[in-house]
Amino acid sequence: MSFGALYVMYGLIVGFSAYFASYQYDLAQRNVEAGSVQELHRLAEGLPEEERRRVQDLSESYARTVIEERRPLMQEGGISPKAGTISDDLRRGVLSFEPRTEAEDDLYARALDLVGELDENRALRLLDVREGIPSVLWVVLIIGGATTVHFTYPLGVRTEWLHVFMIAAYTPVLTLTLFTIAALDHPFNGVVQVSPNAFEAALTRMESYRAR
């Protein structure tokens, strides 16, 4: 019974860790700010010429920087100061607009919302670069895995080949599970990474829109 309780407890810990890692990866995929940048670029079409050109230029520059510079840095656990500067300039570009009509008020309010979404999603993405499953939980996962494998040996299985098969099957499955958790734990600089495809598609659409 004590062995069974150990396996159940460890199984719950592994399940929780796998859920946390997969949820974090899914959140990282949905929190890329490409959609906010593209929508802000489109919305800027209703701004006066000077503000429109400034916001659209900065939107394209931000997406291009994320693709060309920030992703390689994030893969190494670093942050691009250039992308942060462009984000600040983009915010100031929107704030510099002074609405004069009710329609411009609505446009300004929506642009502020998009800038807020951009900043929030950017902050979440930077957090995902640095944070993952707590180190103490990794200690529990590794020690717990080694312990459960060890306790598999004295199980009372009369058929020797079946006992060997159980150990041989359990160990790689457990190893692959822990590897999967580790791969999803860091969605921007791990083995399985969130790709910049959303930014590439957004940049293509923004450049195409400007070319019309």
Protein backbone atom coordinates (compact mmCIF):
# COMPACT_ATOMS: atom_id res chain seq x y z
CA MET A 1 0.00 0.00 0.00
CA SER A 2 2.85 2.39 0.81
CA PHE A 3 4.33 1.81 -2.64
CA GLY A 4 0.94 2.49 -4.22
CA ALA A 5 0.54 5.75 -2.28
CA LEU A 6 4.00 6.83 -3.42
CA TYR A 7 3.18 6.20 -7.08
CA VAL A 8 -0.16 8.00 -6.80
CA MET A 9 1.41 11.01 -5.10
CA TYR A 10 4.23 11.22 -7.62
CA GLY A 11 1.78 10.78 -10.49
CA LEU A 12 -0.22 13.76 -9.23
CA ILE A 13 2.92 15.90 -9.02
CA VAL A 14 3.96 14.94 -12.55
CA GLY A 15 0.45 15.61 -13.84
CA PHE A 16 0.34 19.03 -12.21
CA SER A 17 3.77 19.92 -13.59
CA ALA A 18 2.81 18.79 -17.10
CA TYR A 19 -0.40 20.83 -16.95
CA PHE A 20 1.47 23.91 -15.72
CA ALA A 21 4.10 23.65 -18.46
CA SER A 22 1.55 23.07 -21.25
CA TYR A 23 -0.63 25.91 -19.98
CA GLN A 24 2.36 28.25 -19.90
CA TYR A 25 3.28 27.28 -23.46
CA ASP A 26 -0.29 27.79 -24.69
CA LEU A 27 -0.44 31.15 -22.91
CA ALA A 28 2.81 32.21 -24.56
CA GLN A 29 1.39 31.35 -27.97
CA ARG A 30 -1.74 33.41 -27.38
CA ASN A 31 0.03 36.34 -25.74
CA VAL A 32 2.26 37.33 -28.63
CA GLU A 33 1.62 40.99 -29.33
CA ALA A 34 1.57 40.64 -33.11
CA GLY A 35 -2.21 41.06 -33.26
CA SER A 36 -2.11 44.26 -31.20
CA VAL A 37 0.67 45.74 -33.36
CA GLN A 38 -1.15 44.90 -36.58
CA GLU A 39 -4.46 46.32 -35.33
CA LEU A 40 -2.71 49.49 -34.15
CA HIS A 41 -1.10 49.83 -37.58
CA ARG A 42 -4.52 49.52 -39.25
CA LEU A 43 -6.19 51.87 -36.78
CA ALA A 44 -3.56 54.54 -37.43
CA GLU A 45 -5.02 55.02 -40.89
CA GLY A 46 -7.64 57.26 -39.29
CA LEU A 47 -5.05 59.52 -37.62
CA PRO A 48 -3.72 62.77 -39.10
CA GLU A 49 -0.89 62.32 -41.59
CA GLU A 50 2.01 62.96 -39.21
CA GLU A 51 0.72 60.72 -36.41
CA ARG A 52 -0.40 58.06 -38.90
CA ARG A 53 3.03 57.80 -40.50
CA ARG A 54 4.77 57.75 -37.13
CA VAL A 55 2.57 55.03 -35.61
CA GLN A 56 2.66 52.85 -38.71
CA ASP A 57 6.43 53.17 -39.12
CA LEU A 58 6.97 52.25 -35.46
CA SER A 59 4.52 49.32 -35.68
CA GLU A 60 6.39 47.85 -38.62
CA SER A 61 9.74 48.53 -36.97
CA TYR A 62 8.63 46.81 -33.77
CA ALA A 63 7.51 43.66 -35.59
CA ARG A 64 10.69 43.60 -37.66
CA THR A 65 12.87 43.98 -34.56
CA VAL A 66 11.09 41.12 -32.78
CA ILE A 67 11.69 38.86 -35.78
CA GLU A 68 15.28 39.82 -36.57
CA GLU A 69 16.81 40.67 -33.21
CA ARG A 70 14.71 39.88 -30.19
CA ARG A 71 13.99 36.22 -30.92
CA PRO A 72 17.66 35.19 -31.12
CA LEU A 73 18.30 37.10 -27.89
CA MET A 74 15.35 35.45 -26.17
CA GLN A 75 16.59 32.03 -27.20
CA GLU A 76 19.71 32.84 -25.19
CA GLY A 77 17.68 34.24 -22.28
CA GLY A 78 18.38 37.89 -23.17
CA ILE A 79 16.18 40.89 -23.88
CA SER A 80 16.47 43.33 -26.77
CA PRO A 81 16.64 46.94 -25.54
CA LYS A 82 15.83 48.15 -29.07
CA ALA A 83 12.38 46.51 -29.02
CA GLY A 84 11.67 48.11 -25.65
CA THR A 85 12.67 51.53 -26.97
CA ILE A 86 10.41 51.15 -30.01
CA SER A 87 7.53 50.10 -27.75
CA ASP A 88 8.02 53.25 -25.66
CA ASP A 89 8.18 55.41 -28.80
CA LEU A 90 5.01 53.78 -30.08
CA ARG A 91 3.20 54.63 -26.85
CA ARG A 92 4.40 58.23 -27.01
CA GLY A 93 3.35 58.42 -30.65
CA VAL A 94 -0.22 57.52 -29.71
CA LEU A 95 -0.25 59.80 -26.68
CA SER A 96 0.92 62.75 -28.79
CA PHE A 97 -2.34 62.64 -30.77
CA GLU A 98 -4.93 65.19 -29.59
CA PRO A 99 -8.46 64.23 -30.68
CA ARG A 100 -10.72 67.05 -31.80
CA THR A 101 -13.95 65.25 -32.70
CA GLU A 102 -16.05 62.49 -31.15
CA ALA A 103 -14.90 60.05 -33.83
CA GLU A 104 -11.28 60.89 -33.06
CA ASP A 105 -12.01 60.40 -29.35
CA ASP A 106 -13.17 56.85 -30.07
CA LEU A 107 -10.14 56.24 -32.27
CA TYR A 108 -7.81 57.57 -29.58
CA ALA A 109 -9.43 55.42 -26.88
CA ARG A 110 -9.08 52.28 -28.99
CA ALA A 111 -5.45 53.11 -29.81
CA LEU A 112 -4.71 53.51 -26.09
CA ASP A 113 -6.31 50.12 -25.42
CA LEU A 114 -4.12 48.51 -28.07
CA VAL A 115 -0.97 50.12 -26.66
CA GLY A 116 -1.96 48.80 -23.23
CA GLU A 117 -2.48 45.30 -24.66
CA LEU A 118 0.89 45.51 -26.38
CA ASP A 119 2.67 46.48 -23.16
CA GLU A 120 0.86 43.80 -21.16
CA ASN A 121 1.56 41.01 -23.63
CA ARG A 122 5.16 42.14 -23.98
CA ALA A 123 5.60 42.04 -20.18
CA LEU A 124 4.10 38.54 -20.05
CA ARG A 125 6.41 37.35 -22.81
CA LEU A 126 9.47 38.75 -21.04
CA LEU A 127 8.32 36.99 -17.87
CA ASP A 128 8.06 33.72 -19.78
CA VAL A 129 11.71 34.09 -20.82
CA ARG A 130 12.89 34.19 -17.21
CA GLU A 131 10.33 32.13 -15.31
CA GLY A 132 9.39 28.47 -15.43
CA ILE A 133 8.61 25.62 -13.08
CA PRO A 134 10.17 26.44 -9.67
CA SER A 135 13.54 24.80 -9.03
CA VAL A 136 12.27 23.11 -5.87
CA LEU A 137 9.59 21.35 -7.93
CA TRP A 138 12.24 20.09 -10.34
CA VAL A 139 14.09 18.64 -7.36
CA VAL A 140 10.91 16.83 -6.31
CA LEU A 141 10.32 15.56 -9.86
CA ILE A 142 13.85 14.20 -10.31
CA ILE A 143 14.24 12.70 -6.83
CA GLY A 144 10.69 11.35 -6.96
CA GLY A 145 11.31 9.79 -10.35
CA ALA A 146 14.49 8.11 -9.19
CA THR A 147 12.72 6.88 -6.05
CA THR A 148 9.78 5.37 -7.91
CA VAL A 149 12.11 3.61 -10.34
CA HIS A 150 14.11 2.27 -7.38
CA PHE A 151 10.98 0.97 -5.64
CA THR A 152 9.97 -0.83 -8.81
CA TYR A 153 12.78 -3.36 -8.28
CA PRO A 154 11.49 -5.05 -5.09
CA LEU A 155 7.92 -5.44 -6.37
CA GLY A 156 6.70 -8.97 -5.87
CA VAL A 157 6.39 -10.11 -9.49
CA ARG A 158 7.03 -13.82 -9.75
CA THR A 159 7.86 -13.86 -13.46
CA GLU A 160 11.33 -12.41 -13.87
CA TRP A 161 10.98 -11.36 -17.49
CA LEU A 162 7.74 -9.53 -16.67
CA HIS A 163 9.47 -7.71 -13.83
CA VAL A 164 12.29 -6.64 -16.14
CA PHE A 165 9.76 -5.55 -18.76
CA MET A 166 7.88 -3.40 -16.21
CA ILE A 167 11.07 -1.60 -15.19
CA ALA A 168 12.23 -1.22 -18.79
CA ALA A 169 8.86 0.24 -19.83
CA TYR A 170 8.37 2.53 -16.83
CA THR A 171 11.80 4.19 -16.92
CA PRO A 172 11.76 5.57 -20.52
CA VAL A 173 8.11 6.65 -20.20
CA LEU A 174 8.96 8.60 -17.06
CA THR A 175 12.08 10.05 -18.69
CA LEU A 176 10.14 11.18 -21.77
CA THR A 177 7.45 12.75 -19.57
CA LEU A 178 10.03 14.78 -17.65
CA PHE A 179 11.73 15.73 -20.91
CA THR A 180 8.41 16.97 -22.33
CA ILE A 181 7.77 19.07 -19.23
CA ALA A 182 11.26 20.57 -19.53
CA ALA A 183 10.77 21.24 -23.25
CA LEU A 184 7.53 23.17 -22.67
CA ASP A 185 8.78 24.91 -19.54
CA HIS A 186 10.54 27.73 -21.45
CA PRO A 187 8.44 28.50 -24.55
CA PHE A 188 10.87 31.07 -25.99
CA ASN A 189 14.28 29.61 -25.27
CA GLY A 190 13.65 25.90 -24.75
CA VAL A 191 13.61 22.87 -27.00
CA VAL A 192 10.04 23.54 -28.18
CA GLN A 193 9.79 27.25 -28.94
CA VAL A 194 6.98 29.61 -29.87
CA SER A 195 7.81 30.62 -33.43
CA PRO A 196 7.77 34.23 -34.74
CA ASN A 197 5.33 33.24 -37.50
CA ALA A 198 2.62 35.53 -36.12
CA PHE A 199 4.96 38.53 -36.32
CA GLU A 200 6.14 37.57 -39.79
CA ALA A 201 2.54 37.34 -41.04
CA ALA A 202 1.61 40.61 -39.32
CA LEU A 203 4.61 42.42 -40.83
CA THR A 204 3.76 41.12 -44.31
CA ARG A 205 0.17 42.35 -43.97
CA MET A 206 1.25 45.75 -42.64
CA GLU A 207 3.74 46.28 -45.46
CA SER A 208 1.15 45.14 -47.99
CA TYR A 209 -1.41 47.52 -46.52
CA ARG A 210 1.00 50.45 -46.71
CA ALA A 211 1.80 49.63 -50.35
CA ARG A 212 -1.80 50.08 -51.49
